[in-house]
Amino acid sequence: MTFGHGHIDALPVPDASVDAVISNGVINLAADKRRVFAEAGRVLRAGGRLAIADIVTETELTPQIVANTDLWASCIGGAAHTNAYQQAIAAAGLDLVAMRSNDYRFLSEQARAAGERFGVHSVSLLARKG
């Protein structure tokens, strides 16, 4: 096993060179989620796995929510709509195998209120490169 340092949207490894990409609560903080999933698709070998836990929304976030730094720090401001998230995974050449909601509670009252209003929740998913 090898660990390296890089950016989630520009991984420092060759094409089709890894068996698994894992992430826990990081993609919602990336500005260009399509690029993140494209990188995962680029570096995974055929049959490789993407296993992540992240924050998504059921309702599109308003510009005020997206611009709120406290809600970004709470992992809400950068959350993508579930459909857009799944479309980005498919566009990267990955097949969604399983996706489930996780029991997760935001700490701040502001984050809980925004979470309830926009259907923000934690998910875990597994995808494979065909």
C-alpha atoms as a PDB file:
ATOM      1  CA  MET A   1       0.000   0.000   0.000  1.00  0.00           C
ATOM      2  CA  THR A   2       1.236   3.459  -0.893  1.00  0.00           C
ATOM      3  CA  PHE A   3       0.092   6.830   0.397  1.00  0.00           C
ATOM      4  CA  GLY A   4       0.827  10.077  -1.399  1.00  0.00           C
ATOM      5  CA  HIS A   5       0.100  13.777  -1.035  1.00  0.00           C
ATOM      6  CA  GLY A   6      -2.038  15.556  -3.582  1.00  0.00           C
ATOM      7  CA  HIS A   7      -5.242  17.428  -4.257  1.00  0.00           C
ATOM      8  CA  ILE A   8      -8.548  15.579  -4.532  1.00  0.00           C
ATOM      9  CA  ASP A   9      -9.192  17.073  -7.976  1.00  0.00           C
ATOM     10  CA  ALA A  10      -5.665  16.425  -9.330  1.00  0.00           C
ATOM     11  CA  LEU A  11      -4.434  13.105  -7.959  1.00  0.00           C
ATOM     12  CA  PRO A  12      -0.675  12.501  -8.239  1.00  0.00           C
ATOM     13  CA  VAL A  13      -0.922   9.005  -9.732  1.00  0.00           C
ATOM     14  CA  PRO A  14      -0.989   7.595 -13.279  1.00  0.00           C
ATOM     15  CA  ASP A  15      -4.164   6.630 -15.131  1.00  0.00           C
ATOM     16  CA  ALA A  16      -5.715   3.274 -14.190  1.00  0.00           C
ATOM     17  CA  SER A  17      -3.183   2.689 -11.429  1.00  0.00           C
ATOM     18  CA  VAL A  18      -5.178   2.226  -8.208  1.00  0.00           C
ATOM     19  CA  ASP A  19      -7.621  -0.336  -6.872  1.00  0.00           C
ATOM     20  CA  ALA A  20      -9.562   1.926  -4.516  1.00  0.00           C
ATOM     21  CA  VAL A  21     -10.307   5.567  -3.844  1.00  0.00           C
ATOM     22  CA  ILE A  22     -11.753   6.360  -0.423  1.00  0.00           C
ATOM     23  CA  SER A  23     -12.993   9.621   1.038  1.00  0.00           C
ATOM     24  CA  ASN A  24     -14.754  10.556   4.252  1.00  0.00           C
ATOM     25  CA  GLY A  25     -16.507  13.919   4.221  1.00  0.00           C
ATOM     26  CA  VAL A  26     -14.158  15.703   1.829  1.00  0.00           C
ATOM     27  CA  ILE A  27     -15.917  15.913  -1.540  1.00  0.00           C
ATOM     28  CA  ASN A  28     -18.613  18.261  -0.199  1.00  0.00           C
ATOM     29  CA  LEU A  29     -15.791  20.746   0.469  1.00  0.00           C
ATOM     30  CA  ALA A  30     -14.525  20.602  -3.141  1.00  0.00           C
ATOM     31  CA  ALA A  31     -15.740  23.374  -5.442  1.00  0.00           C
ATOM     32  CA  ASP A  32     -15.714  21.170  -8.588  1.00  0.00           C
ATOM     33  CA  LYS A  33     -17.210  17.818  -7.653  1.00  0.00           C
ATOM     34  CA  ARG A  34     -17.386  16.668 -11.287  1.00  0.00           C
ATOM     35  CA  ARG A  35     -13.608  17.096 -11.498  1.00  0.00           C
ATOM     36  CA  VAL A  36     -13.156  15.110  -8.275  1.00  0.00           C
ATOM     37  CA  PHE A  37     -15.163  12.178  -9.618  1.00  0.00           C
ATOM     38  CA  ALA A  38     -13.455  12.443 -13.024  1.00  0.00           C
ATOM     39  CA  GLU A  39     -10.105  12.091 -11.235  1.00  0.00           C
ATOM     40  CA  ALA A  40     -11.350   9.042  -9.347  1.00  0.00           C
ATOM     41  CA  GLY A  41     -12.496   7.530 -12.645  1.00  0.00           C
ATOM     42  CA  ARG A  42      -9.159   8.356 -14.267  1.00  0.00           C
ATOM     43  CA  VAL A  43      -6.979   6.718 -11.620  1.00  0.00           C
ATOM     44  CA  LEU A  44      -9.075   3.614 -10.939  1.00  0.00           C
ATOM     45  CA  ARG A  45      -8.272   0.356 -12.702  1.00  0.00           C
ATOM     46  CA  ALA A  46     -11.110  -1.602 -14.312  1.00  0.00           C
ATOM     47  CA  GLY A  47     -13.071  -3.110 -11.433  1.00  0.00           C
ATOM     48  CA  GLY A  48     -11.632  -0.530  -9.016  1.00  0.00           C
ATOM     49  CA  ARG A  49     -13.801   0.832  -6.219  1.00  0.00           C
ATOM     50  CA  LEU A  50     -14.801   4.263  -5.024  1.00  0.00           C
ATOM     51  CA  ALA A  51     -15.962   4.119  -1.389  1.00  0.00           C
ATOM     52  CA  ILE A  52     -17.043   7.366   0.210  1.00  0.00           C
ATOM     53  CA  ALA A  53     -19.084   8.960   2.947  1.00  0.00           C
ATOM     54  CA  ASP A  54     -20.211  12.511   2.259  1.00  0.00           C
ATOM     55  CA  ILE A  55     -22.928  15.121   2.705  1.00  0.00           C
ATOM     56  CA  VAL A  56     -25.606  15.657   0.026  1.00  0.00           C
ATOM     57  CA  THR A  57     -28.892  17.567  -0.267  1.00  0.00           C
ATOM     58  CA  GLU A  58     -32.400  16.684  -1.397  1.00  0.00           C
ATOM     59  CA  THR A  59     -33.157  20.319  -2.328  1.00  0.00           C
ATOM     60  CA  GLU A  60     -30.904  22.771  -4.166  1.00  0.00           C
ATOM     61  CA  LEU A  61     -29.141  25.128  -1.766  1.00  0.00           C
ATOM     62  CA  THR A  62     -29.792  28.851  -2.039  1.00  0.00           C
ATOM     63  CA  PRO A  63     -26.931  31.235  -2.886  1.00  0.00           C
ATOM     64  CA  GLN A  64     -27.141  32.538   0.700  1.00  0.00           C
ATOM     65  CA  ILE A  65     -26.508  29.043   2.100  1.00  0.00           C
ATOM     66  CA  VAL A  66     -23.654  28.390  -0.351  1.00  0.00           C
ATOM     67  CA  ALA A  67     -22.036  31.743   0.548  1.00  0.00           C
ATOM     68  CA  ASN A  68     -22.291  31.166   4.315  1.00  0.00           C
ATOM     69  CA  THR A  69     -18.807  30.323   5.610  1.00  0.00           C
ATOM     70  CA  ASP A  70     -20.174  28.829   8.837  1.00  0.00           C
ATOM     71  CA  LEU A  71     -22.305  26.416   6.803  1.00  0.00           C
ATOM     72  CA  TRP A  72     -19.304  25.538   4.600  1.00  0.00           C
ATOM     73  CA  ALA A  73     -17.361  24.746   7.764  1.00  0.00           C
ATOM     74  CA  SER A  74     -20.323  22.612   8.872  1.00  0.00           C
ATOM     75  CA  CYS A  75     -20.095  20.693   5.545  1.00  0.00           C
ATOM     76  CA  ILE A  76     -23.477  21.993   4.386  1.00  0.00           C
ATOM     77  CA  GLY A  77     -22.604  24.986   2.163  1.00  0.00           C
ATOM     78  CA  GLY A  78     -20.743  22.829  -0.353  1.00  0.00           C
ATOM     79  CA  ALA A  79     -23.109  19.863  -0.378  1.00  0.00           C
ATOM     80  CA  ALA A  80     -24.339  18.805  -3.809  1.00  0.00           C
ATOM     81  CA  HIS A  81     -27.854  17.761  -4.721  1.00  0.00           C
ATOM     82  CA  THR A  82     -28.150  13.965  -4.633  1.00  0.00           C
ATOM     83  CA  ASN A  83     -29.057  13.757  -8.337  1.00  0.00           C
ATOM     84  CA  ALA A  84     -26.103  15.931  -9.400  1.00  0.00           C
ATOM     85  CA  TYR A  85     -23.816  13.831  -7.208  1.00  0.00           C
ATOM     86  CA  GLN A  86     -24.968  10.592  -8.834  1.00  0.00           C
ATOM     87  CA  GLN A  87     -24.757  12.115 -12.321  1.00  0.00           C
ATOM     88  CA  ALA A  88     -21.158  13.214 -11.685  1.00  0.00           C
ATOM     89  CA  ILE A  89     -20.267   9.672 -10.603  1.00  0.00           C
ATOM     90  CA  ALA A  90     -21.829   8.197 -13.756  1.00  0.00           C
ATOM     91  CA  ALA A  91     -20.162  10.835 -15.984  1.00  0.00           C
ATOM     92  CA  ALA A  92     -16.812   9.711 -14.569  1.00  0.00           C
ATOM     93  CA  GLY A  93     -17.418   6.185 -15.890  1.00  0.00           C
ATOM     94  CA  LEU A  94     -18.318   4.719 -12.524  1.00  0.00           C
ATOM     95  CA  ASP A  95     -21.293   2.487 -11.771  1.00  0.00           C
ATOM     96  CA  LEU A  96     -23.094   3.194  -8.511  1.00  0.00           C
ATOM     97  CA  VAL A  97     -23.377  -0.134  -6.679  1.00  0.00           C
ATOM     98  CA  ALA A  98     -24.916   1.007  -3.392  1.00  0.00           C
ATOM     99  CA  MET A  99     -25.877   4.227  -1.667  1.00  0.00           C
ATOM    100  CA  ARG A 100     -27.345   4.516   1.809  1.00  0.00           C
ATOM    101  CA  SER A 101     -28.149   7.261   4.281  1.00  0.00           C
ATOM    102  CA  ASN A 102     -26.167   7.419   7.491  1.00  0.00           C
ATOM    103  CA  ASP A 103     -27.345   8.405  10.942  1.00  0.00           C
ATOM    104  CA  TYR A 104     -25.695  11.805  11.301  1.00  0.00           C
ATOM    105  CA  ARG A 105     -26.481  14.862  13.411  1.00  0.00           C
ATOM    106  CA  PHE A 106     -25.074  18.307  12.726  1.00  0.00           C
ATOM    107  CA  LEU A 107     -23.708  20.040  15.815  1.00  0.00           C
ATOM    108  CA  SER A 108     -24.687  23.692  15.450  1.00  0.00           C
ATOM    109  CA  GLU A 109     -28.272  24.869  15.563  1.00  0.00           C
ATOM    110  CA  GLN A 110     -27.746  26.796  12.303  1.00  0.00           C
ATOM    111  CA  ALA A 111     -26.461  23.655  10.568  1.00  0.00           C
ATOM    112  CA  ARG A 112     -29.336  21.533  11.903  1.00  0.00           C
ATOM    113  CA  ALA A 113     -31.880  24.122  10.691  1.00  0.00           C
ATOM    114  CA  ALA A 114     -30.329  24.312   7.219  1.00  0.00           C
ATOM    115  CA  GLY A 115     -30.057  20.533   7.138  1.00  0.00           C
ATOM    116  CA  GLU A 116     -33.737  20.125   7.877  1.00  0.00           C
ATOM    117  CA  ARG A 117     -34.797  22.832   5.420  1.00  0.00           C
ATOM    118  CA  PHE A 118     -32.778  21.462   2.486  1.00  0.00           C
ATOM    119  CA  GLY A 119     -32.756  17.749   3.294  1.00  0.00           C
ATOM    120  CA  VAL A 120     -29.028  17.708   3.947  1.00  0.00           C
ATOM    121  CA  HIS A 121     -27.834  14.317   5.111  1.00  0.00           C
ATOM    122  CA  SER A 122     -24.878  11.964   5.197  1.00  0.00           C
ATOM    123  CA  VAL A 123     -24.579   9.135   2.702  1.00  0.00           C
ATOM    124  CA  SER A 124     -22.165   6.279   2.127  1.00  0.00           C
ATOM    125  CA  LEU A 125     -21.714   4.873  -1.328  1.00  0.00           C
ATOM    126  CA  LEU A 126     -19.805   2.307  -3.294  1.00  0.00           C
ATOM    127  CA  ALA A 127     -19.156   2.683  -7.013  1.00  0.00           C
ATOM    128  CA  ARG A 128     -17.060   0.567  -9.416  1.00  0.00           C
ATOM    129  CA  LYS A 129     -15.222   1.341 -12.578  1.00  0.00           C
ATOM    130  CA  GLY A 130     -16.455  -0.880 -15.383  1.00  0.00           C
END
